[in-house]
């Protein structure tokens, strides 16, 4: 079996077009880095609730900035978009030291955004109305950013030190492709996954082809960091 990896920045329209270029009459299916909608864990906790809010905020912002049509409407092959690790399962794997440290840092950013009385541009004298506008925008960015920061730190650490999401995606794609008799598939994933995911597929006896996104330099830096 052959897997063609198309790296992407999830809000890039040019990367979406590059993905479409990989899908021809020889491709049997498309797999998209995404997860099932399940968000309810066996046991709720404040940490998981914070992680859920953080992750969903990030996904909403990503969808808002990307504003791309559903990919199922634009390709003529079967699309499987629930190959990533469900959020409850992903969170349960994270060490408490990670969640506590990320939560403390994100919490401090959130509190700073809420309670700092005024923000000014360093070394620049501005009228009071501009200072007020800068403060409002700055506070908004800090508050929203702190929500995204919590899940972002944890996902970064998981990818850097554990890589269980890559293993889950490898198993999911291999299982579905084997069950359906697919011989050639395209796997759309963020560029950072190209550091490990193709290697895991090769270990499952896949032939692998890798195409980086238009942000390929970021992917190369990431692959250097996790080695």
Protein backbone atom coordinates (compact mmCIF):
# COMPACT_ATOMS: atom_id res chain seq x y z
CA UNK A 1 0.00 0.00 0.00
CA UNK A 2 1.10 3.56 -0.67
CA UNK A 3 0.47 6.66 1.43
CA UNK A 4 0.94 10.15 0.01
CA UNK A 5 1.38 12.70 2.81
CA UNK A 6 0.35 16.25 2.09
CA UNK A 7 1.54 18.60 4.82
CA UNK A 8 -0.44 21.75 5.40
CA UNK A 9 -0.99 24.81 7.48
CA UNK A 10 -4.64 24.30 8.37
CA UNK A 11 -5.71 27.82 7.43
CA UNK A 12 -3.83 28.00 4.12
CA UNK A 13 -5.92 27.97 0.94
CA UNK A 14 -2.81 27.25 -1.15
CA UNK A 15 -2.13 24.14 0.91
CA UNK A 16 -5.71 23.02 0.33
CA UNK A 17 -5.16 23.39 -3.42
CA UNK A 18 -1.94 21.38 -3.15
CA UNK A 19 -3.93 18.65 -1.44
CA UNK A 20 -6.40 18.50 -4.32
CA UNK A 21 -3.48 18.15 -6.75
CA UNK A 22 -2.54 14.86 -5.07
CA UNK A 23 -5.96 13.28 -5.61
CA UNK A 24 -6.24 11.58 -9.00
CA UNK A 25 -7.81 8.45 -10.45
CA UNK A 26 -5.23 6.23 -8.75
CA UNK A 27 -6.10 7.44 -5.24
CA UNK A 28 -8.62 5.29 -3.37
CA UNK A 29 -9.31 7.48 -0.32
CA UNK A 30 -8.41 10.65 1.54
CA UNK A 31 -7.59 10.72 5.26
CA UNK A 32 -7.72 14.05 7.07
CA UNK A 33 -6.12 14.84 10.41
CA UNK A 34 -9.23 15.29 12.49
CA UNK A 35 -10.92 13.60 15.42
CA UNK A 36 -14.35 12.31 16.27
CA UNK A 37 -16.72 14.72 17.99
CA UNK A 38 -16.66 12.85 21.34
CA UNK A 39 -15.66 15.25 24.11
CA UNK A 40 -17.09 13.60 27.24
CA UNK A 41 -14.55 11.78 29.42
CA UNK A 42 -15.29 9.06 31.94
CA UNK A 43 -14.55 11.55 34.72
CA UNK A 44 -14.86 15.30 34.36
CA UNK A 45 -12.26 17.53 35.96
CA UNK A 46 -11.47 21.23 36.00
CA UNK A 47 -8.27 20.51 34.09
CA UNK A 48 -10.06 18.63 31.32
CA UNK A 49 -12.79 21.28 31.11
CA UNK A 50 -10.08 23.94 30.69
CA UNK A 51 -8.36 21.80 28.05
CA UNK A 52 -11.66 21.30 26.21
CA UNK A 53 -12.50 25.02 26.17
CA UNK A 54 -8.95 25.80 25.06
CA UNK A 55 -8.92 23.23 22.26
CA UNK A 56 -12.38 24.13 20.97
CA UNK A 57 -11.45 27.82 20.96
CA UNK A 58 -8.41 26.98 18.86
CA UNK A 59 -10.41 24.83 16.43
CA UNK A 60 -13.05 27.54 16.08
CA UNK A 61 -10.41 30.17 15.34
CA UNK A 62 -8.73 27.84 12.87
CA UNK A 63 -12.03 27.20 11.07
CA UNK A 64 -12.87 30.92 11.10
CA UNK A 65 -9.54 31.93 9.58
CA UNK A 66 -9.53 29.06 7.11
CA UNK A 67 -13.17 29.49 6.01
CA UNK A 68 -12.76 26.62 3.55
CA UNK A 69 -15.69 24.48 2.32
CA UNK A 70 -16.07 20.97 3.67
CA UNK A 71 -13.50 18.86 1.89
CA UNK A 72 -16.03 16.06 1.32
CA UNK A 73 -17.84 18.38 -1.11
CA UNK A 74 -14.74 18.96 -3.21
CA UNK A 75 -13.29 15.50 -3.85
CA UNK A 76 -14.64 12.36 -5.52
CA UNK A 77 -13.03 9.80 -3.22
CA UNK A 78 -14.10 8.54 0.22
CA UNK A 79 -13.00 10.90 3.00
CA UNK A 80 -12.16 9.71 6.52
CA UNK A 81 -11.77 12.58 8.97
CA UNK A 82 -11.89 10.86 12.36
CA UNK A 83 -8.41 9.37 12.54
CA UNK A 84 -6.93 11.56 15.29
CA UNK A 85 -7.06 10.87 19.02
CA UNK A 86 -10.33 11.92 20.74
CA UNK A 87 -9.80 14.79 23.18
CA UNK A 88 -10.75 12.87 26.36
CA UNK A 89 -8.33 10.08 25.50
CA UNK A 90 -5.58 12.52 24.61
CA UNK A 91 -5.95 14.48 27.85
CA UNK A 92 -5.91 11.31 29.96
CA UNK A 93 -2.41 10.52 28.68
CA UNK A 94 -0.87 13.82 29.71
CA UNK A 95 1.22 13.88 32.92
CA UNK A 96 -0.11 16.00 35.75
CA UNK A 97 3.13 18.01 35.78
CA UNK A 98 2.44 19.11 32.21
CA UNK A 99 -1.18 20.11 32.78
CA UNK A 100 -0.37 21.92 36.03
CA UNK A 101 2.53 23.88 34.52
CA UNK A 102 0.64 24.77 31.34
CA UNK A 103 -2.43 25.71 33.37
CA UNK A 104 -0.42 27.97 35.68
CA UNK A 105 1.25 29.77 32.78
CA UNK A 106 -1.96 30.20 30.78
CA UNK A 107 -3.78 31.30 33.93
CA UNK A 108 -1.23 34.02 34.63
CA UNK A 109 -1.58 35.31 31.06
CA UNK A 110 -5.38 35.30 31.45
CA UNK A 111 -5.24 37.21 34.75
CA UNK A 112 -2.81 39.73 33.31
CA UNK A 113 -5.15 40.32 30.40
CA UNK A 114 -8.12 40.79 32.73
CA UNK A 115 -6.61 42.91 35.49
CA UNK A 116 -3.84 45.01 33.95
CA UNK A 117 -5.24 48.55 34.07
CA UNK A 118 -3.61 50.02 30.99
CA UNK A 119 -1.31 48.93 28.18
CA UNK A 120 1.00 51.33 26.45
CA UNK A 121 3.32 51.06 23.48
CA UNK A 122 6.87 51.10 24.90
CA UNK A 123 8.82 54.33 24.26
CA UNK A 124 5.94 55.82 22.25
CA UNK A 125 3.76 58.70 23.40
CA UNK A 126 0.18 58.22 22.17
CA UNK A 127 -3.09 60.11 22.69
CA UNK A 128 -5.37 58.72 25.39
CA UNK A 129 -7.91 57.41 22.87
CA UNK A 130 -5.22 55.37 21.11
CA UNK A 131 -3.95 54.09 24.45
CA UNK A 132 -7.48 52.99 25.35
CA UNK A 133 -7.93 51.27 21.99
CA UNK A 134 -4.55 49.57 22.31
CA UNK A 135 -5.46 48.42 25.82
CA UNK A 136 -8.79 46.92 24.68
CA UNK A 137 -7.21 45.07 21.78
CA UNK A 138 -4.30 43.92 23.92
CA UNK A 139 -6.55 42.62 26.66
CA UNK A 140 -8.70 40.75 24.14
CA UNK A 141 -5.66 39.14 22.54
CA UNK A 142 -4.26 38.11 25.92
CA UNK A 143 -7.53 36.61 27.15
CA UNK A 144 -8.27 34.68 23.94
CA UNK A 145 -4.61 33.78 23.58
CA UNK A 146 -4.48 32.38 27.11
CA UNK A 147 -7.42 30.08 26.30
CA UNK A 148 -5.62 28.75 23.25
CA UNK A 149 -2.27 28.64 25.03
CA UNK A 150 -3.25 25.91 27.49
CA UNK A 151 -4.10 23.28 24.88
CA UNK A 152 -1.36 24.53 22.56
CA UNK A 153 1.37 23.92 25.14
CA UNK A 154 0.04 20.46 25.97
CA UNK A 155 -0.32 19.41 22.33
CA UNK A 156 3.20 20.68 21.64
CA UNK A 157 4.61 18.66 24.53
CA UNK A 158 2.66 15.55 23.53
CA UNK A 159 3.96 15.73 19.97
CA UNK A 160 7.49 16.50 21.11
CA UNK A 161 7.87 13.84 23.80
CA UNK A 162 5.13 11.23 23.30
CA UNK A 163 3.84 11.16 19.72
CA UNK A 164 0.84 9.02 20.62
CA UNK A 165 -1.41 10.99 18.24
CA UNK A 166 0.84 9.94 15.34
CA UNK A 167 0.63 6.32 16.46
CA UNK A 168 -3.16 6.53 16.69
CA UNK A 169 -3.44 8.01 13.21
CA UNK A 170 -1.15 5.33 11.80
CA UNK A 171 -3.29 2.56 13.28
CA UNK A 172 -6.55 4.17 12.15
CA UNK A 173 -5.45 4.68 8.55
CA UNK A 174 -3.90 1.21 8.29
CA UNK A 175 -7.01 -0.45 9.73
CA UNK A 176 -9.45 1.38 7.43
CA UNK A 177 -7.30 0.93 4.34
CA UNK A 178 -6.84 -2.79 5.00
CA UNK A 179 -10.53 -3.38 5.66
CA UNK A 180 -11.53 -1.59 2.45
CA UNK A 181 -8.74 -2.89 0.24
CA UNK A 182 -7.31 0.57 -0.52
CA UNK A 183 -3.95 0.52 -2.25
CA UNK A 184 -3.17 4.25 -2.56
CA UNK A 185 -4.33 6.87 -0.08
CA UNK A 186 -3.63 10.54 0.59
CA UNK A 187 -3.10 11.65 4.19
CA UNK A 188 -3.61 15.35 4.92
CA UNK A 189 -1.90 16.46 8.13
CA UNK A 190 -0.20 19.44 9.69
CA UNK A 191 3.41 19.86 8.65
CA UNK A 192 4.63 19.09 12.17
CA UNK A 193 3.34 15.52 11.90
CA UNK A 194 5.67 14.87 8.98
CA UNK A 195 8.48 14.51 11.48
CA UNK A 196 7.20 11.16 12.72
CA UNK A 197 4.08 10.01 10.88
CA UNK A 198 5.70 8.82 7.59
CA UNK A 199 8.25 6.80 9.56
CA UNK A 200 5.48 5.06 11.51
CA UNK A 201 3.73 4.21 8.25
CA UNK A 202 6.92 2.73 6.85
CA UNK A 203 7.13 0.51 9.92
CA UNK A 204 3.68 -0.80 8.91
CA UNK A 205 5.07 -1.67 5.44
CA UNK A 206 3.58 1.30 3.60
CA UNK A 207 5.33 2.93 0.65
CA UNK A 208 5.54 6.61 1.57
CA UNK A 209 5.63 9.86 -0.41
CA UNK A 210 5.88 13.18 1.43
CA UNK A 211 4.89 16.63 0.15
CA UNK A 212 5.52 19.57 2.44
CA UNK A 213 3.22 22.55 2.72
CA UNK A 214 3.98 26.09 1.63
CA UNK A 215 5.20 26.51 5.21
CA UNK A 216 7.72 23.71 4.79
CA UNK A 217 10.50 25.54 6.61
CA UNK A 218 8.44 25.45 9.78
CA UNK A 219 8.03 21.70 9.34
CA UNK A 220 11.78 21.25 8.87
CA UNK A 221 12.46 23.21 12.04
CA UNK A 222 9.96 21.07 13.93
CA UNK A 223 11.51 17.83 12.67
CA UNK A 224 14.91 19.09 13.82
CA UNK A 225 13.46 19.91 17.26
CA UNK A 226 11.86 16.54 17.96
CA UNK A 227 14.82 14.42 16.89
